[in-house]
Full PDB file with SEQRES, HELIX, SHEET, SSBOND, CRYST1, ORIGX, SCALE, CONECT and MASTER records, all heavy atoms in Angstrom:
SEQRES   1 A   31  VAL GLY THR LEU GLY ASP ILE SER CYS PRO LEU ALA ILE          
SEQRES   2 A   31  ILE GLY GLY ASN CYS SER LEU GLN GLY PHE ASN TYR GLU          
SEQRES   3 A   31  GLY LYS ASP LEU PHE                                          
SHEET    1 AA1 2 ALA A  12  GLY A  15  0                                        
SHEET    2 AA1 2 LEU A  20  PHE A  23 -1                                        
CRYST1    1.000    1.000    1.000  90.00  90.00  90.00 P 1           1          
ORIGX1      1.000000  0.000000  0.000000        0.00000                         
ORIGX2      0.000000  1.000000  0.000000        0.00000                         
ORIGX3      0.000000  0.000000  1.000000        0.00000                         
SCALE1      1.000000  0.000000  0.000000        0.00000                         
SCALE2      0.000000  1.000000  0.000000        0.00000                         
SCALE3      0.000000  0.000000  1.000000        0.00000                         
ATOM      1  N   VAL A   1       4.587  -0.920   6.673  1.00  0.00           N  
ATOM      2  CA  VAL A   1       3.248  -0.354   6.959  1.00  0.00           C  
ATOM      3  C   VAL A   1       3.473   1.150   7.230  1.00  0.00           C  
ATOM      4  O   VAL A   1       4.280   1.471   8.021  1.00  0.00           O  
ATOM      5  CB  VAL A   1       2.621  -1.033   8.160  1.00  0.00           C  
ATOM      6  CG1 VAL A   1       1.210  -0.443   8.363  1.00  0.00           C  
ATOM      7  CG2 VAL A   1       2.486  -2.525   7.837  1.00  0.00           C  
ATOM      8  N   GLY A   2       2.557   2.001   6.576  1.00  0.00           N  
ATOM      9  CA  GLY A   2       2.708   3.375   6.948  1.00  0.00           C  
ATOM     10  C   GLY A   2       1.738   4.153   5.956  1.00  0.00           C  
ATOM     11  O   GLY A   2       1.112   3.612   5.110  1.00  0.00           O  
ATOM     12  N   THR A   3       1.770   5.504   6.039  1.00  0.00           N  
ATOM     13  CA  THR A   3       1.045   6.344   5.234  1.00  0.00           C  
ATOM     14  C   THR A   3       1.968   6.894   4.120  1.00  0.00           C  
ATOM     15  O   THR A   3       3.037   7.233   4.403  1.00  0.00           O  
ATOM     16  CB  THR A   3       0.417   7.511   5.963  1.00  0.00           C  
ATOM     17  OG1 THR A   3       1.443   8.177   6.708  1.00  0.00           O  
ATOM     18  CG2 THR A   3      -0.688   7.038   6.919  1.00  0.00           C  
ATOM     19  N   LEU A   4       1.518   6.906   2.888  1.00  0.00           N  
ATOM     20  CA  LEU A   4       2.288   7.309   1.695  1.00  0.00           C  
ATOM     21  C   LEU A   4       1.712   8.528   1.046  1.00  0.00           C  
ATOM     22  O   LEU A   4       0.568   8.456   0.517  1.00  0.00           O  
ATOM     23  CB  LEU A   4       2.434   6.177   0.790  1.00  0.00           C  
ATOM     24  CG  LEU A   4       3.193   6.394  -0.507  1.00  0.00           C  
ATOM     25  CD1 LEU A   4       4.675   6.787  -0.231  1.00  0.00           C  
ATOM     26  CD2 LEU A   4       3.166   5.212  -1.439  1.00  0.00           C  
ATOM     27  N   GLY A   5       2.422   9.633   1.019  1.00  0.00           N  
ATOM     28  CA  GLY A   5       2.010  10.841   0.324  1.00  0.00           C  
ATOM     29  C   GLY A   5       0.658  11.264   0.786  1.00  0.00           C  
ATOM     30  O   GLY A   5       0.303  11.411   1.921  1.00  0.00           O  
ATOM     31  N   ASP A   6      -0.216  11.552  -0.321  1.00  0.00           N  
ATOM     32  CA  ASP A   6      -1.604  12.068  -0.039  1.00  0.00           C  
ATOM     33  C   ASP A   6      -2.604  10.879   0.143  1.00  0.00           C  
ATOM     34  O   ASP A   6      -3.772  11.202   0.309  1.00  0.00           O  
ATOM     35  CB  ASP A   6      -2.017  12.994  -1.091  1.00  0.00           C  
ATOM     36  CG  ASP A   6      -1.224  14.288  -1.020  1.00  0.00           C  
ATOM     37  OD1 ASP A   6      -1.039  14.799   0.104  1.00  0.00           O  
ATOM     38  OD2 ASP A   6      -0.765  14.795  -2.085  1.00  0.00           O  
ATOM     39  N   ILE A   7      -2.133   9.637   0.120  1.00  0.00           N  
ATOM     40  CA  ILE A   7      -3.208   8.537   0.277  1.00  0.00           C  
ATOM     41  C   ILE A   7      -3.552   8.589   1.729  1.00  0.00           C  
ATOM     42  O   ILE A   7      -2.764   8.473   2.601  1.00  0.00           O  
ATOM     43  CB  ILE A   7      -2.478   7.259  -0.148  1.00  0.00           C  
ATOM     44  CG1 ILE A   7      -2.122   7.219  -1.563  1.00  0.00           C  
ATOM     45  CG2 ILE A   7      -3.498   6.043   0.166  1.00  0.00           C  
ATOM     46  CD1 ILE A   7      -1.254   6.063  -2.081  1.00  0.00           C  
ATOM     47  N   SER A   8      -4.803   8.737   2.017  1.00  0.00           N  
ATOM     48  CA  SER A   8      -5.258   9.068   3.325  1.00  0.00           C  
ATOM     49  C   SER A   8      -5.116   7.945   4.381  1.00  0.00           C  
ATOM     50  O   SER A   8      -4.818   8.169   5.564  1.00  0.00           O  
ATOM     51  CB  SER A   8      -6.756   9.529   3.298  1.00  0.00           C  
ATOM     52  OG  SER A   8      -7.560   8.518   2.749  1.00  0.00           O  
ATOM     53  N   CYS A   9      -5.330   6.688   3.931  1.00  0.00           N  
ATOM     54  CA  CYS A   9      -5.308   5.615   4.932  1.00  0.00           C  
ATOM     55  C   CYS A   9      -3.918   4.894   4.891  1.00  0.00           C  
ATOM     56  O   CYS A   9      -3.195   4.856   3.886  1.00  0.00           O  
ATOM     57  CB  CYS A   9      -6.372   4.585   4.635  1.00  0.00           C  
ATOM     58  SG  CYS A   9      -6.194   3.845   3.057  1.00  0.00           S  
ATOM     59  N   PRO A  10      -3.521   4.255   6.060  1.00  0.00           N  
ATOM     60  CA  PRO A  10      -2.228   3.503   6.054  1.00  0.00           C  
ATOM     61  C   PRO A  10      -2.272   2.382   5.069  1.00  0.00           C  
ATOM     62  O   PRO A  10      -3.421   1.836   4.737  1.00  0.00           O  
ATOM     63  CB  PRO A  10      -2.208   3.021   7.475  1.00  0.00           C  
ATOM     64  CG  PRO A  10      -3.136   3.927   8.281  1.00  0.00           C  
ATOM     65  CD  PRO A  10      -4.162   4.291   7.316  1.00  0.00           C  
ATOM     66  N   LEU A  11      -1.168   2.057   4.476  1.00  0.00           N  
ATOM     67  CA  LEU A  11      -1.044   0.921   3.530  1.00  0.00           C  
ATOM     68  C   LEU A  11      -0.040  -0.059   4.015  1.00  0.00           C  
ATOM     69  O   LEU A  11       0.960   0.312   4.679  1.00  0.00           O  
ATOM     70  CB  LEU A  11      -0.576   1.550   2.172  1.00  0.00           C  
ATOM     71  CG  LEU A  11      -1.445   2.479   1.423  1.00  0.00           C  
ATOM     72  CD1 LEU A  11      -0.764   2.928   0.161  1.00  0.00           C  
ATOM     73  CD2 LEU A  11      -2.876   1.808   1.050  1.00  0.00           C  
ATOM     74  N   ALA A  12      -0.292  -1.295   3.688  1.00  0.00           N  
ATOM     75  CA  ALA A  12       0.790  -2.356   3.772  1.00  0.00           C  
ATOM     76  C   ALA A  12       1.332  -2.473   2.363  1.00  0.00           C  
ATOM     77  O   ALA A  12       0.699  -2.893   1.471  1.00  0.00           O  
ATOM     78  CB  ALA A  12       0.051  -3.665   4.194  1.00  0.00           C  
ATOM     79  N   ILE A  13       2.628  -2.041   2.299  1.00  0.00           N  
ATOM     80  CA  ILE A  13       3.250  -2.041   0.957  1.00  0.00           C  
ATOM     81  C   ILE A  13       4.180  -3.298   0.859  1.00  0.00           C  
ATOM     82  O   ILE A  13       4.990  -3.495   1.737  1.00  0.00           O  
ATOM     83  CB  ILE A  13       3.989  -0.821   0.658  1.00  0.00           C  
ATOM     84  CG1 ILE A  13       2.916   0.358   0.542  1.00  0.00           C  
ATOM     85  CG2 ILE A  13       4.861  -0.855  -0.590  1.00  0.00           C  
ATOM     86  CD1 ILE A  13       3.438   1.655  -0.022  1.00  0.00           C  
ATOM     87  N   ILE A  14       3.973  -4.010  -0.217  1.00  0.00           N  
ATOM     88  CA  ILE A  14       4.722  -5.250  -0.527  1.00  0.00           C  
ATOM     89  C   ILE A  14       5.718  -4.909  -1.597  1.00  0.00           C  
ATOM     90  O   ILE A  14       5.354  -4.398  -2.681  1.00  0.00           O  
ATOM     91  CB  ILE A  14       3.800  -6.356  -1.050  1.00  0.00           C  
ATOM     92  CG1 ILE A  14       2.662  -6.624  -0.030  1.00  0.00           C  
ATOM     93  CG2 ILE A  14       4.567  -7.605  -1.405  1.00  0.00           C  
ATOM     94  CD1 ILE A  14       3.116  -7.294   1.254  1.00  0.00           C  
ATOM     95  N   GLY A  15       6.957  -5.238  -1.377  1.00  0.00           N  
ATOM     96  CA  GLY A  15       7.956  -5.173  -2.370  1.00  0.00           C  
ATOM     97  C   GLY A  15       8.215  -6.611  -2.952  1.00  0.00           C  
ATOM     98  O   GLY A  15       8.608  -7.497  -2.195  1.00  0.00           O  
ATOM     99  N   GLY A  16       8.077  -6.776  -4.261  1.00  0.00           N  
ATOM    100  CA  GLY A  16       8.137  -8.037  -4.856  1.00  0.00           C  
ATOM    101  C   GLY A  16       9.206  -7.998  -6.003  1.00  0.00           C  
ATOM    102  O   GLY A  16      10.151  -7.262  -5.934  1.00  0.00           O  
ATOM    103  N   ASN A  17       8.984  -8.869  -7.013  1.00  0.00           N  
ATOM    104  CA  ASN A  17       9.849  -8.874  -8.184  1.00  0.00           C  
ATOM    105  C   ASN A  17       9.586  -7.686  -9.061  1.00  0.00           C  
ATOM    106  O   ASN A  17       8.582  -7.738  -9.792  1.00  0.00           O  
ATOM    107  CB  ASN A  17       9.602 -10.260  -8.892  1.00  0.00           C  
ATOM    108  CG  ASN A  17      10.007 -11.384  -8.041  1.00  0.00           C  
ATOM    109  OD1 ASN A  17      10.798 -11.244  -7.099  1.00  0.00           O  
ATOM    110  ND2 ASN A  17       9.442 -12.547  -8.259  1.00  0.00           N  
ATOM    111  N   CYS A  18      10.360  -6.706  -8.887  1.00  0.00           N  
ATOM    112  CA  CYS A  18      10.233  -5.465  -9.748  1.00  0.00           C  
ATOM    113  C   CYS A  18       9.007  -4.694  -9.507  1.00  0.00           C  
ATOM    114  O   CYS A  18       8.618  -3.764 -10.359  1.00  0.00           O  
ATOM    115  CB  CYS A  18      10.468  -5.761 -11.240  1.00  0.00           C  
ATOM    116  SG  CYS A  18      11.983  -6.577 -11.597  1.00  0.00           S  
ATOM    117  N   SER A  19       8.254  -4.992  -8.471  1.00  0.00           N  
ATOM    118  CA  SER A  19       6.958  -4.247  -8.249  1.00  0.00           C  
ATOM    119  C   SER A  19       6.769  -3.843  -6.835  1.00  0.00           C  
ATOM    120  O   SER A  19       7.337  -4.469  -5.907  1.00  0.00           O  
ATOM    121  CB  SER A  19       5.818  -5.082  -8.793  1.00  0.00           C  
ATOM    122  OG  SER A  19       5.575  -6.127  -7.742  1.00  0.00           O  
ATOM    123  N   LEU A  20       5.867  -2.868  -6.695  1.00  0.00           N  
ATOM    124  CA  LEU A  20       5.438  -2.399  -5.347  1.00  0.00           C  
ATOM    125  C   LEU A  20       3.899  -2.333  -5.321  1.00  0.00           C  
ATOM    126  O   LEU A  20       3.274  -1.868  -6.301  1.00  0.00           O  
ATOM    127  CB  LEU A  20       5.925  -0.982  -4.987  1.00  0.00           C  
ATOM    128  CG  LEU A  20       7.455  -0.789  -4.999  1.00  0.00           C  
ATOM    129  CD1 LEU A  20       7.875   0.669  -5.084  1.00  0.00           C  
ATOM    130  CD2 LEU A  20       8.051  -1.415  -3.708  1.00  0.00           C  
ATOM    131  N   GLN A  21       3.314  -2.917  -4.327  1.00  0.00           N  
ATOM    132  CA  GLN A  21       1.873  -3.033  -4.232  1.00  0.00           C  
ATOM    133  C   GLN A  21       1.376  -2.682  -2.843  1.00  0.00           C  
ATOM    134  O   GLN A  21       1.965  -3.183  -1.837  1.00  0.00           O  
ATOM    135  CB  GLN A  21       1.434  -4.491  -4.584  1.00  0.00           C  
ATOM    136  CG  GLN A  21      -0.018  -4.642  -5.000  1.00  0.00           C  
ATOM    137  CD  GLN A  21      -0.252  -6.055  -5.573  1.00  0.00           C  
ATOM    138  OE1 GLN A  21       0.687  -6.895  -5.557  1.00  0.00           O  
ATOM    139  NE2 GLN A  21      -1.465  -6.348  -6.003  1.00  0.00           N  
ATOM    140  N   GLY A  22       0.382  -1.792  -2.756  1.00  0.00           N  
ATOM    141  CA  GLY A  22      -0.049  -1.318  -1.381  1.00  0.00           C  
ATOM    142  C   GLY A  22      -1.510  -1.678  -1.204  1.00  0.00           C  
ATOM    143  O   GLY A  22      -2.383  -1.400  -1.998  1.00  0.00           O  
ATOM    144  N   PHE A  23      -1.761  -2.204   0.026  1.00  0.00           N  
ATOM    145  CA  PHE A  23      -3.121  -2.644   0.353  1.00  0.00           C  
ATOM    146  C   PHE A  23      -3.584  -1.871   1.569  1.00  0.00           C  
ATOM    147  O   PHE A  23      -2.850  -1.700   2.591  1.00  0.00           O  
ATOM    148  CB  PHE A  23      -3.181  -4.135   0.723  1.00  0.00           C  
ATOM    149  CG  PHE A  23      -2.816  -5.044  -0.432  1.00  0.00           C  
ATOM    150  CD1 PHE A  23      -1.533  -5.415  -0.593  1.00  0.00           C  
ATOM    151  CD2 PHE A  23      -3.831  -5.518  -1.287  1.00  0.00           C  
ATOM    152  CE1 PHE A  23      -1.214  -6.197  -1.703  1.00  0.00           C  
ATOM    153  CE2 PHE A  23      -3.494  -6.283  -2.322  1.00  0.00           C  
ATOM    154  CZ  PHE A  23      -2.218  -6.771  -2.582  1.00  0.00           C  
ATOM    155  N   ASN A  24      -4.911  -1.494   1.627  1.00  0.00           N  
ATOM    156  CA  ASN A  24      -5.456  -0.891   2.844  1.00  0.00           C  
ATOM    157  C   ASN A  24      -5.960  -2.075   3.817  1.00  0.00           C  
ATOM    158  O   ASN A  24      -5.794  -3.213   3.534  1.00  0.00           O  
ATOM    159  CB  ASN A  24      -6.561   0.080   2.600  1.00  0.00           C  
ATOM    160  CG  ASN A  24      -7.848  -0.480   2.108  1.00  0.00           C  
ATOM    161  OD1 ASN A  24      -7.955  -1.746   1.890  1.00  0.00           O  
ATOM    162  ND2 ASN A  24      -8.863   0.324   1.886  1.00  0.00           N  
ATOM    163  N   TYR A  25      -6.534  -1.683   4.956  1.00  0.00           N  
ATOM    164  CA  TYR A  25      -6.904  -2.684   5.941  1.00  0.00           C  
ATOM    165  C   TYR A  25      -8.037  -3.626   5.493  1.00  0.00           C  
ATOM    166  O   TYR A  25      -8.315  -4.655   6.071  1.00  0.00           O  
ATOM    167  CB  TYR A  25      -7.319  -2.044   7.250  1.00  0.00           C  
ATOM    168  CG  TYR A  25      -8.592  -1.296   7.289  1.00  0.00           C  
ATOM    169  CD1 TYR A  25      -9.789  -1.930   7.537  1.00  0.00           C  
ATOM    170  CD2 TYR A  25      -8.627   0.053   6.839  1.00  0.00           C  
ATOM    171  CE1 TYR A  25     -11.011  -1.180   7.503  1.00  0.00           C  
ATOM    172  CE2 TYR A  25      -9.851   0.725   6.883  1.00  0.00           C  
ATOM    173  CZ  TYR A  25     -11.014   0.089   7.206  1.00  0.00           C  
ATOM    174  OH  TYR A  25     -12.184   0.868   7.131  1.00  0.00           O  
ATOM    175  N   GLU A  26      -8.740  -3.210   4.389  1.00  0.00           N  
ATOM    176  CA  GLU A  26      -9.736  -4.061   3.893  1.00  0.00           C  
ATOM    177  C   GLU A  26      -9.206  -5.014   2.748  1.00  0.00           C  
ATOM    178  O   GLU A  26      -9.959  -5.883   2.218  1.00  0.00           O  
ATOM    179  CB  GLU A  26     -10.953  -3.279   3.304  1.00  0.00           C  
ATOM    180  CG  GLU A  26     -11.713  -2.474   4.295  1.00  0.00           C  
ATOM    181  CD  GLU A  26     -12.669  -1.468   3.668  1.00  0.00           C  
ATOM    182  OE1 GLU A  26     -12.276  -0.764   2.674  1.00  0.00           O  
ATOM    183  OE2 GLU A  26     -13.842  -1.488   4.090  1.00  0.00           O  
ATOM    184  N   GLY A  27      -7.953  -4.865   2.445  1.00  0.00           N  
ATOM    185  CA  GLY A  27      -7.310  -5.637   1.406  1.00  0.00           C  
ATOM    186  C   GLY A  27      -7.553  -5.107  -0.002  1.00  0.00           C  
ATOM    187  O   GLY A  27      -7.316  -5.773  -1.012  1.00  0.00           O  
ATOM    188  N   LYS A  28      -7.953  -3.792  -0.051  1.00  0.00           N  
ATOM    189  CA  LYS A  28      -8.096  -3.169  -1.361  1.00  0.00           C  
ATOM    190  C   LYS A  28      -6.737  -2.707  -1.871  1.00  0.00           C  
ATOM    191  O   LYS A  28      -5.978  -2.131  -1.090  1.00  0.00           O  
ATOM    192  CB  LYS A  28      -9.037  -1.980  -1.288  1.00  0.00           C  
ATOM    193  CG  LYS A  28     -10.494  -2.404  -1.120  1.00  0.00           C  
ATOM    194  CD  LYS A  28     -11.445  -1.188  -1.052  1.00  0.00           C  
ATOM    195  CE  LYS A  28     -12.895  -1.637  -0.949  1.00  0.00           C  
ATOM    196  NZ  LYS A  28     -13.768  -0.577  -0.410  1.00  0.00           N  
ATOM    197  N   ASP A  29      -6.502  -3.006  -3.121  1.00  0.00           N  
ATOM    198  CA  ASP A  29      -5.224  -2.631  -3.759  1.00  0.00           C  
ATOM    199  C   ASP A  29      -5.299  -1.173  -4.208  1.00  0.00           C  
ATOM    200  O   ASP A  29      -5.775  -0.783  -5.205  1.00  0.00           O  
ATOM    201  CB  ASP A  29      -5.050  -3.577  -4.977  1.00  0.00           C  
ATOM    202  CG  ASP A  29      -3.708  -3.380  -5.679  1.00  0.00           C  
ATOM    203  OD1 ASP A  29      -2.967  -2.471  -5.309  1.00  0.00           O  
ATOM    204  OD2 ASP A  29      -3.450  -4.170  -6.424  1.00  0.00           O  
ATOM    205  N   LEU A  30      -4.664  -0.267  -3.323  1.00  0.00           N  
ATOM    206  CA  LEU A  30      -4.761   1.187  -3.557  1.00  0.00           C  
ATOM    207  C   LEU A  30      -3.518   1.742  -4.212  1.00  0.00           C  
ATOM    208  O   LEU A  30      -3.471   2.955  -4.558  1.00  0.00           O  
ATOM    209  CB  LEU A  30      -5.008   1.928  -2.200  1.00  0.00           C  
ATOM    210  CG  LEU A  30      -6.303   1.619  -1.527  1.00  0.00           C  
ATOM    211  CD1 LEU A  30      -6.481   2.587  -0.355  1.00  0.00           C  
ATOM    212  CD2 LEU A  30      -7.468   1.762  -2.484  1.00  0.00           C  
ATOM    213  N   PHE A  31      -2.433   0.944  -4.329  1.00  0.00           N  
ATOM    214  CA  PHE A  31      -1.200   1.499  -4.831  1.00  0.00           C  
ATOM    215  C   PHE A  31      -0.492   0.382  -5.607  1.00  0.00           C  
ATOM    216  O   PHE A  31      -0.401  -0.726  -5.100  1.00  0.00           O  
ATOM    217  CB  PHE A  31      -0.348   2.012  -3.637  1.00  0.00           C  
ATOM    218  CG  PHE A  31       1.029   2.478  -4.051  1.00  0.00           C  
ATOM    219  CD1 PHE A  31       1.214   3.673  -4.582  1.00  0.00           C  
ATOM    220  CD2 PHE A  31       2.138   1.638  -3.770  1.00  0.00           C  
ATOM    221  CE1 PHE A  31       2.506   4.087  -5.050  1.00  0.00           C  
ATOM    222  CE2 PHE A  31       3.453   2.050  -4.177  1.00  0.00           C  
ATOM    223  CZ  PHE A  31       3.600   3.278  -4.754  1.00  0.00           C  
TER     224      PHE A  31                                                      
MASTER        0    0    0    0    2    0    0    6  223    1    0    3          
END                                                                             
């Protein structure tokens, strides 16, 4: 969990099988 680059809100970033996915606190997939 943290802020990434210029994305303004903190993200929960999940590392999975060959992929990275980031969600904000509303569950929106922003990355």
